[in-house]
Structure formats: C-alpha cells, structure tokens
C-alpha atoms as a PDB file:
ATOM      1  CA  MET A   1      22.478 -88.303  -7.699  1.00  0.00           C
ATOM      2  CA  GLU A   2      22.274 -85.424  -5.315  1.00  0.00           C
ATOM      3  CA  ASN A   3      23.214 -81.792  -5.817  1.00  0.00           C
ATOM      4  CA  PRO A   4      24.881 -79.756  -3.073  1.00  0.00           C
ATOM      5  CA  SER A   5      22.637 -77.859  -0.639  1.00  0.00           C
ATOM      6  CA  ARG A   6      21.473 -74.318  -1.359  1.00  0.00           C
ATOM      7  CA  LYS A   7      23.966 -73.096   1.244  1.00  0.00           C
ATOM      8  CA  GLU A   8      26.837 -74.923  -0.496  1.00  0.00           C
ATOM      9  CA  LEU A   9      25.772 -73.611  -3.911  1.00  0.00           C
ATOM     10  CA  LYS A  10      25.640 -70.067  -2.552  1.00  0.00           C
ATOM     11  CA  GLU A  11      29.208 -70.408  -1.199  1.00  0.00           C
ATOM     12  CA  LEU A  12      30.444 -71.864  -4.504  1.00  0.00           C
ATOM     13  CA  LEU A  13      28.960 -68.982  -6.477  1.00  0.00           C
ATOM     14  CA  LYS A  14      30.156 -66.373  -3.993  1.00  0.00           C
ATOM     15  CA  ASN A  15      33.756 -67.625  -4.035  1.00  0.00           C
ATOM     16  CA  ALA A  16      34.084 -68.406  -7.748  1.00  0.00           C
ATOM     17  CA  LYS A  17      35.762 -65.936 -10.066  1.00  0.00           C
ATOM     18  CA  THR A  18      36.295 -67.884 -13.298  1.00  0.00           C
ATOM     19  CA  ILE A  19      33.769 -70.026 -15.169  1.00  0.00           C
ATOM     20  CA  ALA A  20      34.824 -72.151 -18.141  1.00  0.00           C
ATOM     21  CA  VAL A  21      31.718 -72.589 -20.292  1.00  0.00           C
ATOM     22  CA  VAL A  22      31.819 -75.791 -22.347  1.00  0.00           C
ATOM     23  CA  GLY A  23      29.708 -75.453 -25.470  1.00  0.00           C
ATOM     24  CA  LEU A  24      29.550 -71.653 -25.311  1.00  0.00           C
ATOM     25  CA  SER A  25      28.269 -70.264 -28.592  1.00  0.00           C
ATOM     26  CA  ASP A  26      29.313 -66.984 -30.181  1.00  0.00           C
ATOM     27  CA  ARG A  27      25.708 -66.454 -31.314  1.00  0.00           C
ATOM     28  CA  PRO A  28      23.677 -64.054 -29.119  1.00  0.00           C
ATOM     29  CA  ASP A  29      20.455 -65.994 -29.800  1.00  0.00           C
ATOM     30  CA  ARG A  30      21.820 -69.153 -28.115  1.00  0.00           C
ATOM     31  CA  THR A  31      21.018 -69.962 -24.483  1.00  0.00           C
ATOM     32  CA  SER A  32      24.671 -70.670 -23.649  1.00  0.00           C
ATOM     33  CA  TYR A  33      25.631 -67.174 -24.838  1.00  0.00           C
ATOM     34  CA  GLN A  34      22.804 -65.463 -22.949  1.00  0.00           C
ATOM     35  CA  ILE A  35      23.539 -67.243 -19.671  1.00  0.00           C
ATOM     36  CA  ALA A  36      27.317 -66.800 -19.923  1.00  0.00           C
ATOM     37  CA  LYS A  37      26.816 -63.103 -20.729  1.00  0.00           C
ATOM     38  CA  ALA A  38      24.580 -62.689 -17.675  1.00  0.00           C
ATOM     39  CA  MET A  39      27.228 -64.368 -15.497  1.00  0.00           C
ATOM     40  CA  GLN A  40      29.915 -62.154 -17.058  1.00  0.00           C
ATOM     41  CA  GLN A  41      27.804 -59.099 -16.172  1.00  0.00           C
ATOM     42  CA  GLU A  42      27.709 -60.391 -12.574  1.00  0.00           C
ATOM     43  CA  GLY A  43      31.506 -60.109 -12.525  1.00  0.00           C
ATOM     44  CA  TYR A  44      32.673 -63.616 -13.423  1.00  0.00           C
ATOM     45  CA  ARG A  45      35.474 -64.178 -15.931  1.00  0.00           C
ATOM     46  CA  ILE A  46      34.100 -66.393 -18.706  1.00  0.00           C
ATOM     47  CA  ILE A  47      36.395 -68.792 -20.589  1.00  0.00           C
ATOM     48  CA  PRO A  48      34.698 -70.173 -23.721  1.00  0.00           C
ATOM     49  CA  ILE A  49      35.356 -73.848 -24.511  1.00  0.00           C
ATOM     50  CA  ASN A  50      34.279 -74.576 -28.071  1.00  0.00           C
ATOM     51  CA  PRO A  51      36.549 -75.857 -30.865  1.00  0.00           C
ATOM     52  CA  ASN A  52      34.306 -74.294 -33.519  1.00  0.00           C
ATOM     53  CA  ILE A  53      34.693 -70.616 -32.566  1.00  0.00           C
ATOM     54  CA  LYS A  54      37.625 -68.215 -32.083  1.00  0.00           C
ATOM     55  CA  GLU A  55      36.052 -66.117 -29.345  1.00  0.00           C
ATOM     56  CA  SER A  56      32.842 -65.295 -27.514  1.00  0.00           C
ATOM     57  CA  LEU A  57      31.919 -62.447 -25.172  1.00  0.00           C
ATOM     58  CA  GLY A  58      35.287 -60.827 -25.872  1.00  0.00           C
ATOM     59  CA  GLU A  59      37.248 -63.854 -24.600  1.00  0.00           C
ATOM     60  CA  GLN A  60      39.449 -66.262 -26.577  1.00  0.00           C
ATOM     61  CA  SER A  61      37.850 -69.671 -27.051  1.00  0.00           C
ATOM     62  CA  TYR A  62      39.728 -72.901 -26.328  1.00  0.00           C
ATOM     63  CA  ALA A  63      39.160 -76.206 -28.127  1.00  0.00           C
ATOM     64  CA  SER A  64      39.304 -78.180 -24.877  1.00  0.00           C
ATOM     65  CA  LEU A  65      39.355 -77.660 -21.119  1.00  0.00           C
ATOM     66  CA  LEU A  66      42.830 -79.190 -21.189  1.00  0.00           C
ATOM     67  CA  ASP A  67      44.094 -76.198 -23.227  1.00  0.00           C
ATOM     68  CA  VAL A  68      43.264 -73.723 -20.433  1.00  0.00           C
ATOM     69  CA  LYS A  69      46.307 -72.961 -18.295  1.00  0.00           C
ATOM     70  CA  GLU A  70      44.745 -70.549 -15.800  1.00  0.00           C
ATOM     71  CA  PRO A  71      42.683 -71.558 -12.754  1.00  0.00           C
ATOM     72  CA  ILE A  72      39.047 -72.517 -13.371  1.00  0.00           C
ATOM     73  CA  ASP A  73      36.630 -72.270 -10.445  1.00  0.00           C
ATOM     74  CA  ILE A  74      33.568 -73.761 -12.177  1.00  0.00           C
ATOM     75  CA  VAL A  75      33.173 -75.773 -15.370  1.00  0.00           C
ATOM     76  CA  ASN A  76      29.664 -74.950 -16.650  1.00  0.00           C
ATOM     77  CA  VAL A  77      28.436 -77.386 -19.289  1.00  0.00           C
ATOM     78  CA  PHE A  78      26.124 -76.713 -22.242  1.00  0.00           C
ATOM     79  CA  ARG A  79      26.458 -80.073 -23.974  1.00  0.00           C
ATOM     80  CA  ARG A  80      24.025 -82.953 -24.299  1.00  0.00           C
ATOM     81  CA  SER A  81      24.006 -85.518 -21.501  1.00  0.00           C
ATOM     82  CA  GLU A  82      25.722 -88.219 -23.557  1.00  0.00           C
ATOM     83  CA  PHE A  83      28.860 -86.053 -23.820  1.00  0.00           C
ATOM     84  CA  LEU A  84      29.318 -85.784 -20.041  1.00  0.00           C
ATOM     85  CA  PRO A  85      31.380 -88.965 -19.405  1.00  0.00           C
ATOM     86  CA  ASN A  86      34.154 -87.841 -21.797  1.00  0.00           C
ATOM     87  CA  LEU A  87      33.987 -84.336 -20.395  1.00  0.00           C
ATOM     88  CA  ALA A  88      34.242 -85.694 -16.840  1.00  0.00           C
ATOM     89  CA  LYS A  89      37.538 -87.367 -17.779  1.00  0.00           C
ATOM     90  CA  GLN A  90      38.863 -83.988 -18.969  1.00  0.00           C
ATOM     91  CA  VAL A  91      37.657 -82.205 -15.846  1.00  0.00           C
ATOM     92  CA  VAL A  92      39.615 -84.436 -13.468  1.00  0.00           C
ATOM     93  CA  ASN A  93      42.764 -83.405 -15.376  1.00  0.00           C
ATOM     94  CA  THR A  94      42.165 -79.700 -14.761  1.00  0.00           C
ATOM     95  CA  ASN A  95      42.530 -77.599 -11.613  1.00  0.00           C
ATOM     96  CA  THR A  96      38.784 -77.157 -11.142  1.00  0.00           C
ATOM     97  CA  THR A  97      36.798 -78.677  -8.308  1.00  0.00           C
ATOM     98  CA  VAL A  98      33.272 -77.848  -9.550  1.00  0.00           C
ATOM     99  CA  PHE A  99      31.386 -79.400 -12.489  1.00  0.00           C
ATOM    100  CA  TRP A 100      28.054 -77.707 -13.224  1.00  0.00           C
ATOM    101  CA  ALA A 101      25.736 -79.166 -15.890  1.00  0.00           C
ATOM    102  CA  GLN A 102      22.939 -76.901 -17.080  1.00  0.00           C
ATOM    103  CA  GLN A 103      19.232 -77.566 -16.740  1.00  0.00           C
ATOM    104  CA  GLY A 104      18.185 -80.739 -18.545  1.00  0.00           C
ATOM    105  CA  VAL A 105      21.742 -82.125 -18.582  1.00  0.00           C
ATOM    106  CA  VAL A 106      22.235 -85.238 -16.427  1.00  0.00           C
ATOM    107  CA  ASN A 107      24.476 -88.297 -16.685  1.00  0.00           C
ATOM    108  CA  GLU A 108      24.861 -90.764 -13.832  1.00  0.00           C
ATOM    109  CA  GLU A 109      28.092 -92.288 -15.164  1.00  0.00           C
ATOM    110  CA  ALA A 110      29.742 -88.849 -15.271  1.00  0.00           C
ATOM    111  CA  TYR A 111      28.336 -87.972 -11.848  1.00  0.00           C
ATOM    112  CA  ASN A 112      29.780 -91.113 -10.227  1.00  0.00           C
ATOM    113  CA  TYR A 113      33.156 -90.683 -11.940  1.00  0.00           C
ATOM    114  CA  LEU A 114      33.468 -87.051 -10.837  1.00  0.00           C
ATOM    115  CA  LYS A 115      32.390 -87.788  -7.250  1.00  0.00           C
ATOM    116  CA  LYS A 116      35.015 -90.541  -7.086  1.00  0.00           C
ATOM    117  CA  HIS A 117      37.604 -87.866  -7.957  1.00  0.00           C
ATOM    118  CA  ASN A 118      36.331 -85.429  -5.293  1.00  0.00           C
ATOM    119  CA  ILE A 119      34.755 -83.015  -7.753  1.00  0.00           C
ATOM    120  CA  THR A 120      31.649 -81.134  -6.603  1.00  0.00           C
ATOM    121  CA  VAL A 121      28.882 -81.984  -9.085  1.00  0.00           C
ATOM    122  CA  ILE A 122      25.756 -79.993  -9.868  1.00  0.00           C
ATOM    123  CA  MET A 123      23.455 -81.341 -12.592  1.00  0.00           C
ATOM    124  CA  ASN A 124      20.168 -80.219 -14.102  1.00  0.00           C
ATOM    125  CA  VAL A 125      20.423 -76.704 -12.607  1.00  0.00           C
ATOM    126  CA  CYS A 126      20.755 -73.410 -14.478  1.00  0.00           C
ATOM    127  CA  ILE A 127      23.709 -71.491 -13.026  1.00  0.00           C
ATOM    128  CA  LYS A 128      22.065 -68.123 -13.815  1.00  0.00           C
ATOM    129  CA  VAL A 129      18.827 -69.064 -12.042  1.00  0.00           C
ATOM    130  CA  ALA A 130      20.776 -70.413  -9.052  1.00  0.00           C
ATOM    131  CA  HIS A 131      22.809 -67.194  -8.937  1.00  0.00           C
ATOM    132  CA  SER A 132      19.654 -65.032  -9.121  1.00  0.00           C
ATOM    133  CA  VAL A 133      17.882 -67.021  -6.395  1.00  0.00           C
ATOM    134  CA  LEU A 134      20.865 -67.398  -4.048  1.00  0.00           C
ATOM    135  CA  LEU A 135      22.812 -64.168  -4.601  1.00  0.00           C
ATOM    136  CA  GLY A 136      20.229 -62.009  -6.364  1.00  0.00           C
ATOM    137  CA  LYS A 137      20.068 -58.327  -5.760  1.00  0.00           C
END
C-alpha cells in the first residue's frame, strides 16, 4: 500500500471543499469531533456520517454515505480497520474520488478494492496533521 505523494495530498486538500466524516461523533471530547471541527474552521464543509446521531458541528448527520446526495470531495474515515472493506463498497457508489482513513486505520483489502475502482486512497494519515504540514499558515 502506498499513499499519494506530499504534492498530490497538498493538491487534494487545496481543491477539496466538502469532507464526509464517517464515524463523526457529536461529543466534543472525541478525536473525530476535534479533527472535523478543525477542518471545518479551515473552511471545509463537514458532512457527518453516523447513524447514531442527528447532527454534529451544526450539520445534519446521515446514516450512510449512500444517503448523501450532494458532491463529496473526500471521505474521511474514523472507523476501525475491519470496517473498511464494507465502507469501500459504499464509497465506489458515491461521487467521491478520495478515501482518507485516519491515523492507525489500515486495511489492505479495502485499499486494493478502492484502487481497482480508481479511488485515491490515503491510509494511516491524520487529515488535520497533513493539512497543517502541507497548507499550514
């Protein structure tokens, strides 16, 4: 498995406007909330994907990626690695082209499936850290 180059990641982050966050919590003490909030403060539209909450960060939550009708630039994943293969199957049925799994989240089966469907895959990288390093002020 290989992530895109720093240059490619910088372009992805620069051009993206909407990030669907799978596993986004509505609890401010959770990492998913803190990172999504930081990305929201950087100007990205956050779409929460979590069947157990109604909303997070002032945005309506969806039970599944497949319920989102608007364009998604990046799917950012805060789920355990074993959930990635099922999530990958959902992703290929959306309009997104970027699948980003947070630090510590890796699944080779999902990676290979997504690559086969021409999805850009980033795994085991924190989107907030990448944004700070590559586009930081």
